[in-house]
Protein backbone atom coordinates (compact mmCIF):
# COMPACT_ATOMS: atom_id res chain seq x y z
CA MET A 1 3.32 2.20 -13.64
CA ASN A 2 6.74 3.66 -14.36
CA THR A 3 9.23 1.55 -12.39
CA THR A 4 11.69 4.49 -12.45
CA LEU A 5 9.24 6.57 -10.42
CA PHE A 6 11.60 6.71 -7.44
CA ALA A 7 15.13 8.04 -7.62
CA ALA A 8 17.81 5.81 -6.15
CA ALA A 9 18.04 6.39 -2.42
CA THR A 10 21.25 7.42 -0.71
CA PRO A 11 22.06 6.81 2.98
CA ALA A 12 20.73 10.32 3.64
CA THR A 13 17.49 9.91 1.66
CA ARG A 14 16.65 6.26 2.34
CA MET A 15 13.16 5.87 3.82
CA HIS A 16 11.24 3.02 5.42
CA VAL A 17 7.61 2.60 4.34
CA VAL A 18 5.18 1.01 6.78
CA TRP A 19 2.13 -0.26 4.91
CA ASP A 20 -1.31 -0.67 6.42
CA TRP A 21 -3.14 -3.87 5.39
CA ASN A 22 -6.96 -3.73 5.43
CA GLY A 23 -8.18 -1.08 3.02
CA THR A 24 -4.64 -0.36 1.80
CA VAL A 25 -2.55 -3.31 0.60
CA LYS A 26 -5.44 -5.76 1.00
CA ASP A 27 -8.16 -4.99 -1.55
CA ASP A 28 -11.86 -4.99 -0.79
CA PHE A 29 -14.35 -5.72 -3.55
CA ASP A 30 -14.34 -2.25 -5.08
CA ASP A 31 -10.56 -2.31 -5.12
CA HIS A 32 -10.66 -5.64 -6.96
CA VAL A 33 -12.85 -4.03 -9.61
CA ASP A 34 -10.57 -1.00 -9.82
CA ALA A 35 -7.46 -3.17 -10.05
CA LEU A 36 -9.02 -5.23 -12.82
CA ASN A 37 -9.98 -2.10 -14.73
CA ALA A 38 -6.44 -0.80 -14.37
CA THR A 39 -5.04 -3.82 -16.21
CA LEU A 40 -7.69 -4.60 -18.82
CA PRO A 41 -6.87 -1.70 -21.19
CA ALA A 42 -3.29 -2.94 -21.57
CA LEU A 43 -4.75 -6.26 -22.74
CA GLY A 44 -7.15 -4.67 -25.19
CA GLY A 45 -10.24 -4.78 -23.01
CA GLY A 46 -12.61 -2.19 -21.60
CA ALA A 47 -13.66 -1.35 -18.05
CA VAL A 48 -16.28 -3.48 -16.29
CA ASP A 49 -18.78 -2.62 -13.58
CA ARG A 50 -19.45 -4.47 -10.33
CA GLU A 51 -22.25 -6.61 -11.76
CA THR A 52 -20.20 -7.73 -14.77
CA TYR A 53 -17.36 -8.61 -12.44
CA ARG A 54 -19.64 -10.78 -10.30
CA ALA A 55 -21.38 -12.37 -13.27
CA LYS A 56 -18.20 -13.39 -15.09
CA HIS A 57 -15.81 -14.06 -12.23
CA THR A 58 -14.31 -17.53 -12.25
CA VAL A 59 -11.14 -19.33 -11.26
CA PRO A 60 -8.45 -19.83 -12.29
CA ILE A 61 -8.15 -16.07 -12.75
CA PRO A 62 -6.67 -16.23 -16.29
CA ASN A 63 -9.98 -17.81 -17.35
CA PHE A 64 -11.78 -14.82 -15.82
CA TYR A 65 -9.70 -12.45 -17.95
CA ALA A 66 -10.41 -14.60 -21.02
CA ARG A 67 -14.16 -14.27 -20.41
CA LEU A 68 -13.88 -10.49 -20.18
CA LEU A 69 -11.62 -10.19 -23.22
CA GLY A 70 -13.57 -12.60 -25.41
CA GLY A 71 -10.63 -14.95 -25.87
CA PRO A 72 -7.58 -16.45 -24.13
CA ILE A 73 -4.60 -14.35 -23.15
CA THR A 74 -1.04 -15.49 -23.60
CA GLU A 75 1.18 -16.54 -20.71
CA GLN A 76 3.30 -13.42 -21.19
CA GLU A 77 0.23 -11.17 -21.13
CA TRP A 78 -0.88 -12.79 -17.88
CA ILE A 79 2.54 -12.37 -16.29
CA SER A 80 2.64 -8.72 -17.31
CA SER A 81 -0.82 -7.94 -15.93
CA ASP A 82 -0.16 -9.82 -12.69
CA ASN A 83 3.13 -8.01 -12.18
CA ALA A 84 1.40 -4.64 -12.46
CA PHE A 85 0.09 -5.06 -8.91
CA LEU A 86 3.63 -5.55 -7.58
CA GLU A 87 5.41 -2.75 -9.39
CA LEU A 88 5.02 -0.15 -6.67
CA MET A 89 6.64 -2.28 -3.96
CA THR A 90 9.27 -3.48 -6.41
CA ALA A 91 10.10 0.09 -7.43
CA LEU A 92 10.51 1.11 -3.80
CA ARG A 93 12.76 -1.86 -3.07
CA ASP A 94 14.84 -1.31 -6.17
CA ALA A 95 15.30 2.37 -5.29
CA GLY A 96 16.83 1.31 -1.98
CA HIS A 97 13.95 1.97 0.41
CA THR A 98 12.78 -0.63 2.93
CA GLN A 99 9.22 -1.72 3.75
CA SER A 100 7.20 -3.42 6.47
CA LEU A 101 3.58 -4.21 7.23
CA LEU A 102 1.60 -3.21 10.33
CA SER A 103 -2.07 -3.97 10.90
CA LEU A 104 -4.65 -4.21 13.67
CA CYS A 105 -5.83 -7.40 11.94
CA PRO A 106 -5.11 -10.51 14.09
CA HIS A 107 -1.48 -11.48 13.54
CA ASP A 108 -2.09 -15.08 12.43
CA THR A 109 -4.74 -13.93 9.96
CA LEU A 110 -2.46 -11.23 8.62
CA VAL A 111 0.46 -13.61 8.10
CA ARG A 112 -1.78 -16.13 6.34
CA GLU A 113 -3.24 -13.52 3.99
CA VAL A 114 0.19 -12.10 3.16
CA GLU A 115 1.46 -15.61 2.38
CA GLU A 116 -1.57 -16.21 0.15
CA ALA A 117 -0.83 -12.96 -1.69
CA ASP A 118 2.83 -14.03 -2.08
CA ILE A 119 4.19 -10.59 -1.15
CA GLY A 120 5.90 -11.35 2.16
CA HIS A 121 9.35 -11.08 0.60
CA PHE A 122 8.91 -7.33 0.25
CA PHE A 123 8.68 -6.73 4.00
CA GLN A 124 11.38 -6.61 6.64
CA ARG A 125 8.76 -7.22 9.30
CA ILE A 126 5.04 -8.13 9.45
CA ASP A 127 3.09 -7.31 12.63
CA GLY A 128 -0.58 -7.86 13.30
CA ARG A 129 -2.62 -7.54 16.48
CA THR A 130 -1.71 -9.99 19.25
CA GLY A 131 -3.85 -8.57 22.07
CA PRO A 132 -7.51 -7.63 22.46
CA SER A 133 -9.25 -5.66 19.73
CA GLY A 134 -10.44 -2.09 20.04
CA GLY A 135 -7.15 -0.23 20.39
CA THR A 136 -5.47 2.33 18.19
CA LYS A 137 -2.33 1.87 16.10
CA THR A 138 -0.16 4.30 18.09
CA ALA A 139 1.36 1.82 20.57
CA PRO A 140 1.68 -1.02 18.02
CA LEU A 141 3.54 1.35 15.69
CA THR A 142 5.93 2.27 18.50
CA THR A 143 6.64 -1.42 19.12
CA HIS A 144 6.95 -2.06 15.38
CA LEU A 145 9.53 0.69 14.93
CA GLU A 146 11.48 -0.45 18.00
CA ALA A 147 11.66 -3.98 16.58
CA LEU A 148 12.95 -2.56 13.28
CA GLY A 149 15.56 -0.44 15.04
CA LEU A 150 13.87 2.74 13.82
CA ALA A 151 12.52 4.15 17.08
CA ASP A 152 15.07 6.98 17.00
CA GLN A 153 14.81 7.44 13.21
CA ALA A 154 11.10 8.17 12.84
CA HIS A 155 11.94 11.00 10.43
CA ARG A 156 12.86 8.22 7.98
CA VAL A 157 9.50 6.46 8.34
CA LEU A 158 6.45 6.90 6.10
CA LEU A 159 3.19 5.13 6.92
CA VAL A 160 0.73 4.65 4.06
CA GLY A 161 -2.80 3.95 5.26
CA ASP A 162 -6.45 4.65 4.69
CA VAL A 163 -7.94 5.76 8.03
CA ILE A 164 -7.37 8.72 10.34
CA ASP A 165 -5.93 6.48 13.06
CA ASP A 166 -3.05 5.58 10.73
CA ALA A 167 -2.05 9.23 10.45
CA GLU A 168 -2.52 9.94 14.15
CA ALA A 169 -0.34 6.95 15.07
CA ASP A 170 2.39 8.13 12.75
CA ARG A 171 2.24 11.69 14.05
CA ALA A 172 2.42 10.47 17.65
CA ASN A 173 5.59 8.56 16.75
CA GLY A 174 7.19 11.51 14.97
CA ALA A 175 6.98 10.02 11.50
CA TYR A 176 5.10 10.85 8.30
CA ALA A 177 1.73 9.56 7.12
CA VAL A 178 -0.07 9.89 3.82
CA LEU A 179 -3.57 8.49 3.45
CA HIS A 180 -5.26 7.30 0.26
CA THR A 181 -8.92 7.71 -0.63
CA GLY A 182 -9.56 4.14 -1.81
CA GLY A 183 -9.85 2.52 1.61
CA LEU A 184 -12.20 2.24 4.57
CA HIS A 185 -12.76 5.93 5.39
CA HIS A 186 -14.74 8.24 3.14
CA PRO A 187 -12.53 10.73 1.28
CA ALA A 188 -14.49 13.68 2.73
CA LYS A 189 -13.78 12.45 6.26
CA LEU A 190 -10.09 12.16 5.50
CA ALA A 191 -10.00 15.60 3.91
CA ASP A 192 -11.73 17.19 6.91
CA ALA A 193 -9.06 15.74 9.20
CA GLY A 194 -6.39 17.70 7.35
CA HIS A 195 -3.88 14.90 6.82
CA PRO A 196 -1.92 14.55 3.54
CA LEU A 197 -4.21 12.72 1.13
CA THR A 198 -3.94 11.16 -2.34
CA ASP A 199 -6.13 9.03 -4.58
CA THR A 200 -3.63 6.21 -5.19
CA LEU A 201 -0.99 4.29 -3.25
CA ALA A 202 1.72 5.33 -5.71
CA ASP A 203 0.83 8.99 -5.26
CA ALA A 204 0.84 8.50 -1.49
CA VAL A 205 4.40 7.21 -1.58
CA VAL A 206 5.57 9.97 -3.93
CA LEU A 207 4.01 12.64 -1.68
CA GLY A 208 5.46 11.07 1.46
CA LEU A 209 8.97 10.97 0.02
CA ARG A 210 8.59 14.57 -1.11
CA LEU A 211 7.48 15.69 2.36
CA ALA A 212 10.49 13.95 3.90
CA ALA A 213 12.83 15.59 1.40
CA SER A 214 11.31 18.98 2.14
CA ARG A 215 11.86 18.55 5.86
CA ARG A 216 15.48 17.58 5.28
CA ALA A 217 16.00 20.65 3.11
CA HIS A 218 14.18 23.06 5.43
CA PRO A 219 14.31 21.63 8.97
CA ALA A 220 13.68 25.01 10.61
CA CYS A 221 10.37 25.39 8.77
CA VAL A 222 8.76 22.29 10.34
């Protein structure tokens, strides 16, 4: 990914991105396969299917890559491929935007999984569910934005998620939402709902920032 994808933010253009967890930042099995196939070509390998992934998977992960590539990879190659998964959040941070994480996953589970993924340093705040299950994300997003001091600046907030509830929560709070097709809801279901939709997380962020810029430029048209 091009790390110069995002122009440097100014005080007027700076946005805050709220990431969903399950189905968005946290990969399910198909996302693991897709992520692997996104990095293998840069290392000289070809795409694998689900069964090959299962048959050859091993830990530590560099040994898994070695099995797929037919030989060991260098330390620098491993660092480069591992960093590819972090480039989007790094590019946002480096451009001057801020980020947080909001999920209906139990809070303790969410914090543990984020720590295991070693990405907590990207987020100003991490909030998971602390009450009973079964609710929507609307009220938790309100609380999340209040804690961040953004309750009266929702026009600067973009939520990237994968289910219709993510978009409805954002709309209820006066912010933006862009959904991606690689998560828990079928793309056709997302398309029928009429919310902004992309196939990748990077495209979701680019579209969200463009929608915000358009509203700033043409406030009377919204």
